[in-house]
C-alpha atoms as a PDB file:
ATOM      1  CA  MET A   1       3.081   3.544  32.274  1.00  0.00           C
ATOM      2  CA  ALA A   2       3.481   6.347  34.818  1.00  0.00           C
ATOM      3  CA  SER A   3       6.245   8.752  34.208  1.00  0.00           C
ATOM      4  CA  THR A   4      10.292   7.574  35.878  1.00  0.00           C
ATOM      5  CA  PHE A   5      12.314  10.797  34.671  1.00  0.00           C
ATOM      6  CA  ALA A   6      12.130  12.368  37.683  1.00  0.00           C
ATOM      7  CA  SER A   7      14.276  10.209  39.366  1.00  0.00           C
ATOM      8  CA  SER A   8      17.261  10.491  37.126  1.00  0.00           C
ATOM      9  CA  PHE A   9      16.378  14.085  36.234  1.00  0.00           C
ATOM     10  CA  VAL A  10      19.661  16.182  35.123  1.00  0.00           C
ATOM     11  CA  PHE A  11      19.709  19.184  33.451  1.00  0.00           C
ATOM     12  CA  ALA A  12      21.672  19.045  29.962  1.00  0.00           C
ATOM     13  CA  LEU A  13      23.474  20.803  27.209  1.00  0.00           C
ATOM     14  CA  ILE A  14      22.640  18.615  24.725  1.00  0.00           C
ATOM     15  CA  LEU A  15      20.492  15.631  23.960  1.00  0.00           C
ATOM     16  CA  PHE A  16      20.615  12.532  21.820  1.00  0.00           C
ATOM     17  CA  ILE A  17      17.821  10.080  20.964  1.00  0.00           C
ATOM     18  CA  SER A  18      17.487   7.729  17.902  1.00  0.00           C
ATOM     19  CA  ASP A  19      15.303   4.885  16.993  1.00  0.00           C
ATOM     20  CA  LEU A  20      12.058   5.395  18.606  1.00  0.00           C
ATOM     21  CA  HIS A  21      10.520   4.042  15.467  1.00  0.00           C
ATOM     22  CA  LEU A  22       7.148   6.350  15.831  1.00  0.00           C
ATOM     23  CA  GLN A  23       3.905   4.977  14.737  1.00  0.00           C
ATOM     24  CA  VAL A  24       0.348   6.121  14.653  1.00  0.00           C
ATOM     25  CA  ASP A  25      -0.582   2.101  16.306  1.00  0.00           C
ATOM     26  CA  ARG A  26       1.639   2.623  19.546  1.00  0.00           C
ATOM     27  CA  PRO A  27       0.131   5.224  21.333  1.00  0.00           C
ATOM     28  CA  ALA A  28       1.989   3.948  24.309  1.00  0.00           C
ATOM     29  CA  LEU A  29       4.970   4.678  22.696  1.00  0.00           C
ATOM     30  CA  THR A  30       3.857   8.191  21.589  1.00  0.00           C
ATOM     31  CA  GLU A  31       3.344   8.679  25.258  1.00  0.00           C
ATOM     32  CA  ALA A  32       6.944   8.229  26.012  1.00  0.00           C
ATOM     33  CA  PHE A  33       8.026  10.580  23.362  1.00  0.00           C
ATOM     34  CA  VAL A  34       5.468  13.462  24.746  1.00  0.00           C
ATOM     35  CA  ARG A  35       6.719  12.433  28.662  1.00  0.00           C
ATOM     36  CA  PHE A  36      10.530  12.904  26.858  1.00  0.00           C
ATOM     37  CA  VAL A  37       9.655  16.283  25.171  1.00  0.00           C
ATOM     38  CA  ASP A  38       7.928  17.853  28.150  1.00  0.00           C
ATOM     39  CA  GLU A  39       9.814  16.392  31.221  1.00  0.00           C
ATOM     40  CA  ARG A  40      13.210  16.398  29.081  1.00  0.00           C
ATOM     41  CA  ALA A  41      14.183  17.979  26.050  1.00  0.00           C
ATOM     42  CA  ARG A  42      12.694  21.290  26.428  1.00  0.00           C
ATOM     43  CA  PHE A  43      15.136  21.937  28.925  1.00  0.00           C
ATOM     44  CA  ALA A  44      18.331  21.370  26.930  1.00  0.00           C
ATOM     45  CA  ARG A  45      20.176  23.362  24.552  1.00  0.00           C
ATOM     46  CA  ARG A  46      20.188  20.928  21.909  1.00  0.00           C
ATOM     47  CA  LEU A  47      18.113  18.229  20.689  1.00  0.00           C
ATOM     48  CA  TYR A  48      20.262  15.263  17.863  1.00  0.00           C
ATOM     49  CA  LEU A  49      17.541  12.981  16.611  1.00  0.00           C
ATOM     50  CA  LEU A  50      19.854  10.458  15.024  1.00  0.00           C
ATOM     51  CA  GLY A  51      17.247   8.188  12.502  1.00  0.00           C
ATOM     52  CA  ASP A  52      14.341   6.268  13.089  1.00  0.00           C
ATOM     53  CA  LEU A  53      12.402   8.639  14.496  1.00  0.00           C
ATOM     54  CA  PHE A  54       9.750   7.643  12.417  1.00  0.00           C
ATOM     55  CA  GLU A  55       8.851   3.808  11.537  1.00  0.00           C
ATOM     56  CA  TYR A  56       8.407   4.920   7.742  1.00  0.00           C
ATOM     57  CA  TRP A  57       8.716   8.355   6.129  1.00  0.00           C
ATOM     58  CA  ALA A  58       7.090   7.780   2.380  1.00  0.00           C
ATOM     59  CA  GLY A  59       7.442  11.728   2.011  1.00  0.00           C
ATOM     60  CA  ASP A  60       6.982  15.308   2.913  1.00  0.00           C
ATOM     61  CA  ASP A  61       3.552  15.307   1.743  1.00  0.00           C
ATOM     62  CA  ASP A  62       2.355  12.667   4.314  1.00  0.00           C
ATOM     63  CA  LEU A  63       2.235  15.630   6.761  1.00  0.00           C
ATOM     64  CA  ASP A  64      -1.211  15.969   6.345  1.00  0.00           C
ATOM     65  CA  ASP A  65      -1.522  12.870   7.826  1.00  0.00           C
ATOM     66  CA  PRO A  66      -2.558  14.178  11.371  1.00  0.00           C
ATOM     67  CA  PHE A  67      -0.484  12.182  13.609  1.00  0.00           C
ATOM     68  CA  HIS A  68       2.769  13.205  12.065  1.00  0.00           C
ATOM     69  CA  ALA A  69       1.676  16.554  12.415  1.00  0.00           C
ATOM     70  CA  ARG A  70       1.399  16.085  15.907  1.00  0.00           C
ATOM     71  CA  ILE A  71       4.844  14.944  16.036  1.00  0.00           C
ATOM     72  CA  ALA A  72       6.166  17.613  13.773  1.00  0.00           C
ATOM     73  CA  ALA A  73       4.096  20.231  15.830  1.00  0.00           C
ATOM     74  CA  MET A  74       5.761  18.789  19.050  1.00  0.00           C
ATOM     75  CA  LEU A  75       9.262  19.199  17.754  1.00  0.00           C
ATOM     76  CA  ARG A  76       8.388  23.009  16.585  1.00  0.00           C
ATOM     77  CA  THR A  77       7.363  23.933  20.026  1.00  0.00           C
ATOM     78  CA  LEU A  78      10.754  22.630  21.030  1.00  0.00           C
ATOM     79  CA  ALA A  79      12.218  24.810  18.753  1.00  0.00           C
ATOM     80  CA  ASP A  80      10.329  27.861  19.590  1.00  0.00           C
ATOM     81  CA  GLY A  81      11.322  27.779  22.792  1.00  0.00           C
ATOM     82  CA  GLY A  82      15.183  28.195  22.356  1.00  0.00           C
ATOM     83  CA  VAL A  83      16.417  24.496  21.964  1.00  0.00           C
ATOM     84  CA  GLU A  84      18.512  23.769  18.574  1.00  0.00           C
ATOM     85  CA  VAL A  85      16.880  20.229  17.283  1.00  0.00           C
ATOM     86  CA  PHE A  86      18.960  18.991  14.577  1.00  0.00           C
ATOM     87  CA  TRP A  87      18.132  15.749  12.527  1.00  0.00           C
ATOM     88  CA  ILE A  88      20.090  12.721  11.058  1.00  0.00           C
ATOM     89  CA  ALA A  89      18.025  10.579   8.537  1.00  0.00           C
ATOM     90  CA  GLY A  90      18.008   6.470   9.646  1.00  0.00           C
ATOM     91  CA  ASN A  91      17.137   3.587   7.307  1.00  0.00           C
ATOM     92  CA  ARG A  92      13.584   4.323   7.509  1.00  0.00           C
ATOM     93  CA  ASP A  93      13.440   8.408   7.590  1.00  0.00           C
ATOM     94  CA  PHE A  94      15.531   9.069   5.037  1.00  0.00           C
ATOM     95  CA  LEU A  95      12.663  11.167   3.070  1.00  0.00           C
ATOM     96  CA  VAL A  96      12.461  13.560   5.233  1.00  0.00           C
ATOM     97  CA  GLY A  97      13.194  16.543   3.440  1.00  0.00           C
ATOM     98  CA  GLU A  98      12.570  20.907   3.523  1.00  0.00           C
ATOM     99  CA  ARG A  99       8.942  20.869   4.635  1.00  0.00           C
ATOM    100  CA  PHE A 100       8.931  18.861   7.861  1.00  0.00           C
ATOM    101  CA  ALA A 101      12.284  20.582   8.470  1.00  0.00           C
ATOM    102  CA  VAL A 102      10.691  23.811   7.826  1.00  0.00           C
ATOM    103  CA  ALA A 103       7.398  22.414  10.221  1.00  0.00           C
ATOM    104  CA  ALA A 104       9.352  20.912  12.747  1.00  0.00           C
ATOM    105  CA  GLY A 105      11.638  24.028  13.233  1.00  0.00           C
ATOM    106  CA  LEU A 106      14.792  21.560  12.728  1.00  0.00           C
ATOM    107  CA  THR A 107      17.964  21.620  10.600  1.00  0.00           C
ATOM    108  CA  LEU A 108      18.870  18.601   8.415  1.00  0.00           C
ATOM    109  CA  LEU A 109      22.612  17.381   8.759  1.00  0.00           C
ATOM    110  CA  PRO A 110      24.160  14.795   6.326  1.00  0.00           C
ATOM    111  CA  GLU A 111      24.978  11.416   7.706  1.00  0.00           C
ATOM    112  CA  THR A 112      28.118  12.300   9.463  1.00  0.00           C
ATOM    113  CA  TRP A 113      28.409  14.988  11.382  1.00  0.00           C
ATOM    114  CA  LEU A 114      31.038  16.263  13.838  1.00  0.00           C
ATOM    115  CA  ILE A 115      30.488  18.389  16.867  1.00  0.00           C
ATOM    116  CA  GLU A 116      32.874  19.822  19.774  1.00  0.00           C
ATOM    117  CA  ASP A 117      32.111  19.906  23.159  1.00  0.00           C
ATOM    118  CA  HIS A 118      34.180  20.253  26.240  1.00  0.00           C
ATOM    119  CA  GLY A 119      37.441  19.985  24.510  1.00  0.00           C
ATOM    120  CA  ARG A 120      36.244  16.128  22.695  1.00  0.00           C
ATOM    121  CA  ARG A 121      35.752  15.970  19.145  1.00  0.00           C
ATOM    122  CA  ILE A 122      32.538  13.862  18.858  1.00  0.00           C
ATOM    123  CA  VAL A 123      30.961  11.786  15.802  1.00  0.00           C
ATOM    124  CA  LEU A 124      27.398  11.643  14.807  1.00  0.00           C
ATOM    125  CA  VAL A 125      25.576   9.521  12.801  1.00  0.00           C
ATOM    126  CA  HIS A 126      22.712   7.035  12.395  1.00  0.00           C
ATOM    127  CA  GLY A 127      24.846   3.585  12.000  1.00  0.00           C
ATOM    128  CA  ASP A 128      23.555   1.952   9.608  1.00  0.00           C
ATOM    129  CA  ALA A 129      26.441   2.896   6.903  1.00  0.00           C
ATOM    130  CA  GLN A 130      28.345   0.930   9.131  1.00  0.00           C
ATOM    131  CA  CYS A 131      27.127  -2.365   8.736  1.00  0.00           C
ATOM    132  CA  THR A 132      28.807  -3.557   5.674  1.00  0.00           C
ATOM    133  CA  ASP A 133      28.822  -7.168   5.821  1.00  0.00           C
ATOM    134  CA  ASP A 134      25.196  -6.798   5.343  1.00  0.00           C
ATOM    135  CA  VAL A 135      26.305  -6.463   1.250  1.00  0.00           C
ATOM    136  CA  LYS A 136      22.125  -6.968   0.792  1.00  0.00           C
ATOM    137  CA  TYR A 137      21.458  -4.162   2.484  1.00  0.00           C
ATOM    138  CA  MET A 138      24.223  -1.939   1.826  1.00  0.00           C
ATOM    139  CA  ALA A 139      23.414  -2.730  -1.997  1.00  0.00           C
ATOM    140  CA  PHE A 140      19.649  -1.409  -1.266  1.00  0.00           C
ATOM    141  CA  ARG A 141      20.893   1.632   0.640  1.00  0.00           C
ATOM    142  CA  ALA A 142      23.241   2.723  -1.959  1.00  0.00           C
ATOM    143  CA  GLN A 143      20.183   2.738  -4.903  1.00  0.00           C
ATOM    144  CA  VAL A 144      17.666   4.356  -2.354  1.00  0.00           C
ATOM    145  CA  ARG A 145      19.743   7.202  -1.127  1.00  0.00           C
ATOM    146  CA  GLN A 146      20.171   7.769  -5.033  1.00  0.00           C
ATOM    147  CA  PRO A 147      18.672  11.234  -5.708  1.00  0.00           C
ATOM    148  CA  GLY A 148      17.207  10.020  -9.105  1.00  0.00           C
ATOM    149  CA  TRP A 149      15.691   7.013  -7.121  1.00  0.00           C
ATOM    150  CA  GLN A 150      14.248   9.483  -4.617  1.00  0.00           C
ATOM    151  CA  GLN A 151      13.050  11.749  -7.329  1.00  0.00           C
ATOM    152  CA  GLN A 152      11.195   8.968  -9.058  1.00  0.00           C
ATOM    153  CA  PHE A 153       9.879   7.619  -6.127  1.00  0.00           C
ATOM    154  CA  LEU A 154       8.638  10.678  -5.124  1.00  0.00           C
ATOM    155  CA  ALA A 155       6.485  11.504  -8.055  1.00  0.00           C
ATOM    156  CA  MET A 156       4.469   8.503  -7.249  1.00  0.00           C
ATOM    157  CA  PRO A 157       1.159   9.135  -5.560  1.00  0.00           C
ATOM    158  CA  LEU A 158       1.241   8.673  -1.416  1.00  0.00           C
ATOM    159  CA  ALA A 159      -0.675   5.840  -0.879  1.00  0.00           C
ATOM    160  CA  GLN A 160       1.277   3.718  -3.854  1.00  0.00           C
ATOM    161  CA  ARG A 161       4.768   4.945  -2.048  1.00  0.00           C
ATOM    162  CA  LYS A 162       2.886   3.725   1.178  1.00  0.00           C
ATOM    163  CA  ALA A 163       1.769   0.630  -0.210  1.00  0.00           C
ATOM    164  CA  ILE A 164       5.592  -0.279  -1.625  1.00  0.00           C
ATOM    165  CA  ILE A 165       7.073   0.830   1.894  1.00  0.00           C
ATOM    166  CA  ALA A 166       4.747  -2.099   3.342  1.00  0.00           C
ATOM    167  CA  GLY A 167       6.449  -4.410   1.187  1.00  0.00           C
ATOM    168  CA  LEU A 168       9.297  -3.403   2.075  1.00  0.00           C
ATOM    169  CA  ARG A 169       9.116  -3.772   5.676  1.00  0.00           C
ATOM    170  CA  ASP A 170       8.003  -7.085   5.004  1.00  0.00           C
ATOM    171  CA  ASN A 171      11.085  -8.304   3.264  1.00  0.00           C
ATOM    172  CA  SER A 172      12.892  -6.690   5.562  1.00  0.00           C
ATOM    173  CA  ARG A 173      11.587  -8.942   8.956  1.00  0.00           C
ATOM    174  CA  LYS A 174      11.979 -11.851   6.616  1.00  0.00           C
ATOM    175  CA  ASP A 175      15.190 -10.858   6.125  1.00  0.00           C
ATOM    176  CA  GLN A 176      16.363 -10.264   9.628  1.00  0.00           C
ATOM    177  CA  GLY A 177      15.085 -13.885  10.660  1.00  0.00           C
ATOM    178  CA  GLU A 178      17.719 -15.126   8.078  1.00  0.00           C
ATOM    179  CA  LYS A 179      20.952 -13.054   9.008  1.00  0.00           C
ATOM    180  CA  SER A 180      23.464 -13.284  11.867  1.00  0.00           C
ATOM    181  CA  TYR A 181      23.305 -10.301  14.485  1.00  0.00           C
ATOM    182  CA  GLU A 182      27.006 -10.047  13.459  1.00  0.00           C
ATOM    183  CA  ILE A 183      25.922  -9.647   9.709  1.00  0.00           C
ATOM    184  CA  MET A 184      23.143  -6.532  10.672  1.00  0.00           C
ATOM    185  CA  ASP A 185      25.871  -5.352  13.548  1.00  0.00           C
ATOM    186  CA  VAL A 186      27.951  -2.454  12.867  1.00  0.00           C
ATOM    187  CA  THR A 187      31.808  -3.803  11.421  1.00  0.00           C
ATOM    188  CA  PRO A 188      34.853  -2.857  13.523  1.00  0.00           C
ATOM    189  CA  GLN A 189      36.639  -1.961  10.382  1.00  0.00           C
ATOM    190  CA  ALA A 190      33.929   0.389   9.692  1.00  0.00           C
ATOM    191  CA  ILE A 191      33.752   2.498  12.895  1.00  0.00           C
ATOM    192  CA  ASP A 192      37.630   2.884  12.832  1.00  0.00           C
ATOM    193  CA  ASP A 193      37.130   4.183   9.315  1.00  0.00           C
ATOM    194  CA  VAL A 194      34.713   6.749  10.918  1.00  0.00           C
ATOM    195  CA  PHE A 195      37.208   7.369  13.306  1.00  0.00           C
ATOM    196  CA  ALA A 196      39.547   8.475  11.358  1.00  0.00           C
ATOM    197  CA  GLN A 197      37.993   9.637   8.771  1.00  0.00           C
ATOM    198  CA  THR A 198      36.760  12.447  11.164  1.00  0.00           C
ATOM    199  CA  GLY A 199      39.505  12.822  13.561  1.00  0.00           C
ATOM    200  CA  ALA A 200      36.860  12.348  16.281  1.00  0.00           C
ATOM    201  CA  ASP A 201      37.331  10.710  19.976  1.00  0.00           C
ATOM    202  CA  VAL A 202      33.566   9.822  20.642  1.00  0.00           C
ATOM    203  CA  MET A 203      31.266   8.168  18.561  1.00  0.00           C
ATOM    204  CA  ILE A 204      27.350   8.734  19.059  1.00  0.00           C
ATOM    205  CA  HIS A 205      24.733   6.528  17.314  1.00  0.00           C
ATOM    206  CA  GLY A 206      21.723   3.927  16.752  1.00  0.00           C
ATOM    207  CA  HIS A 207      20.228   1.467  14.336  1.00  0.00           C
ATOM    208  CA  THR A 208      21.709  -1.602  15.560  1.00  0.00           C
ATOM    209  CA  HIS A 209      19.011  -1.648  18.953  1.00  0.00           C
ATOM    210  CA  ARG A 210      22.387  -2.861  21.100  1.00  0.00           C
ATOM    211  CA  PRO A 211      22.714   0.166  23.480  1.00  0.00           C
ATOM    212  CA  ALA A 212      26.167  -0.215  25.158  1.00  0.00           C
ATOM    213  CA  LEU A 213      29.504   1.757  25.572  1.00  0.00           C
ATOM    214  CA  HIS A 214      32.789   0.619  23.586  1.00  0.00           C
ATOM    215  CA  THR A 215      35.749   1.035  24.142  1.00  0.00           C
ATOM    216  CA  ARG A 216      38.525   0.631  21.292  1.00  0.00           C
ATOM    217  CA  GLY A 217      41.619   1.953  20.711  1.00  0.00           C
ATOM    218  CA  GLY A 218      41.259   5.003  22.947  1.00  0.00           C
ATOM    219  CA  LYS A 219      38.161   5.833  21.334  1.00  0.00           C
ATOM    220  CA  LEU A 220      34.419   5.791  22.674  1.00  0.00           C
ATOM    221  CA  ARG A 221      31.233   5.054  21.216  1.00  0.00           C
ATOM    222  CA  TYR A 222      27.978   4.907  22.656  1.00  0.00           C
ATOM    223  CA  VAL A 223      25.461   3.002  21.100  1.00  0.00           C
ATOM    224  CA  LEU A 224      21.663   4.109  22.112  1.00  0.00           C
ATOM    225  CA  PRO A 225      18.696   2.394  21.768  1.00  0.00           C
ATOM    226  CA  ASP A 226      15.637   1.727  20.637  1.00  0.00           C
ATOM    227  CA  TRP A 227      12.206   2.449  22.199  1.00  0.00           C
ATOM    228  CA  GLU A 228       9.681  -0.237  23.406  1.00  0.00           C
ATOM    229  CA  PRO A 229       7.868   1.764  26.259  1.00  0.00           C
ATOM    230  CA  GLU A 230       5.265  -1.459  26.276  1.00  0.00           C
ATOM    231  CA  SER A 231       7.874  -4.144  26.982  1.00  0.00           C
ATOM    232  CA  LEU A 232       8.502  -5.330  30.667  1.00  0.00           C
ATOM    233  CA  PRO A 233      11.397  -3.586  31.958  1.00  0.00           C
ATOM    234  CA  PRO A 234      10.413  -0.753  29.171  1.00  0.00           C
ATOM    235  CA  ARG A 235      13.277  -0.556  26.483  1.00  0.00           C
ATOM    236  CA  GLY A 236      14.754   2.804  25.459  1.00  0.00           C
ATOM    237  CA  GLY A 237      16.300   6.097  26.663  1.00  0.00           C
ATOM    238  CA  TRP A 238      18.735   8.736  25.164  1.00  0.00           C
ATOM    239  CA  ILE A 239      22.248  10.178  25.909  1.00  0.00           C
ATOM    240  CA  ALA A 240      22.954  13.135  27.898  1.00  0.00           C
ATOM    241  CA  ILE A 241      25.990  15.806  28.442  1.00  0.00           C
ATOM    242  CA  GLY A 242      25.985  17.678  31.240  1.00  0.00           C
ATOM    243  CA  ASP A 243      26.836  21.317  31.707  1.00  0.00           C
ATOM    244  CA  ASP A 244      30.161  19.588  33.153  1.00  0.00           C
ATOM    245  CA  GLY A 245      30.922  18.026  30.118  1.00  0.00           C
ATOM    246  CA  ALA A 246      29.607  14.189  31.466  1.00  0.00           C
ATOM    247  CA  ILE A 247      28.544  11.814  29.136  1.00  0.00           C
ATOM    248  CA  THR A 248      25.411   9.863  31.158  1.00  0.00           C
ATOM    249  CA  ARG A 249      23.576   7.060  29.500  1.00  0.00           C
ATOM    250  CA  HIS A 250      19.489   7.293  30.610  1.00  0.00           C
ATOM    251  CA  ALA A 251      16.772   4.519  30.486  1.00  0.00           C
ATOM    252  CA  LEU A 252      13.187   4.559  30.352  1.00  0.00           C
ATOM    253  CA  ASP A 253      13.304   2.782  33.537  1.00  0.00           C
ATOM    254  CA  GLY A 254      14.794   5.781  35.383  1.00  0.00           C
ATOM    255  CA  SER A 255      18.495   4.153  35.520  1.00  0.00           C
ATOM    256  CA  VAL A 256      21.168   6.386  34.172  1.00  0.00           C
ATOM    257  CA  GLU A 257      24.938   5.231  33.514  1.00  0.00           C
ATOM    258  CA  ASN A 258      28.006   7.643  34.039  1.00  0.00           C
ATOM    259  CA  ARG A 259      30.184   5.619  31.641  1.00  0.00           C
END
């Protein structure tokens, strides 16, 4: 697929992406990410990865896999070139740890992070913690985010961990077919709680695969897209904050929305 980025080029101070779900058997997706890094991210001052960069992450020992090592090296090249790279875990790659962070030259952030830019307070989350109507998922999330559970899981052989994750992914796909979109989306109360707790004016998140700009009570909530460059039209993109403070939404097809 030919690059469409040039038609919407702007120099951005800050970039935000999420939900690429990178995996070795989707080369078009990987190449779309490569183009984003080469044609966009390397010109930025900061890049925020807001979760689910990978389809799954079984543990930092999986950095020995050539595909994972390639992605880490790409991010390291960005960091070595002066771009600050930050990571908020998603529901698929929450087991990323210090070894990956060092290899990729990035900073691991907690699941809720506040930045200030041009007089605005912007809160960043992946978005899964705000899907509170999905009671089954929230119970699972509470379990796997416990340090004790993670320590026990990471002590297993890598092949065993990958087999368990494959089973969990199959179950997740079946569950999603039985759940309404409303249950799998963020809830207004959970969003209001984040705004109240952080005092933010703007929120940026992913997870739901429902890119949009929402307004509620004078607050702005930007939802990042997932990436499906193989589809027609290609799906995916990023959010940028320019040197003038303007927030823009960019799609893989080259289109830009200023709000």
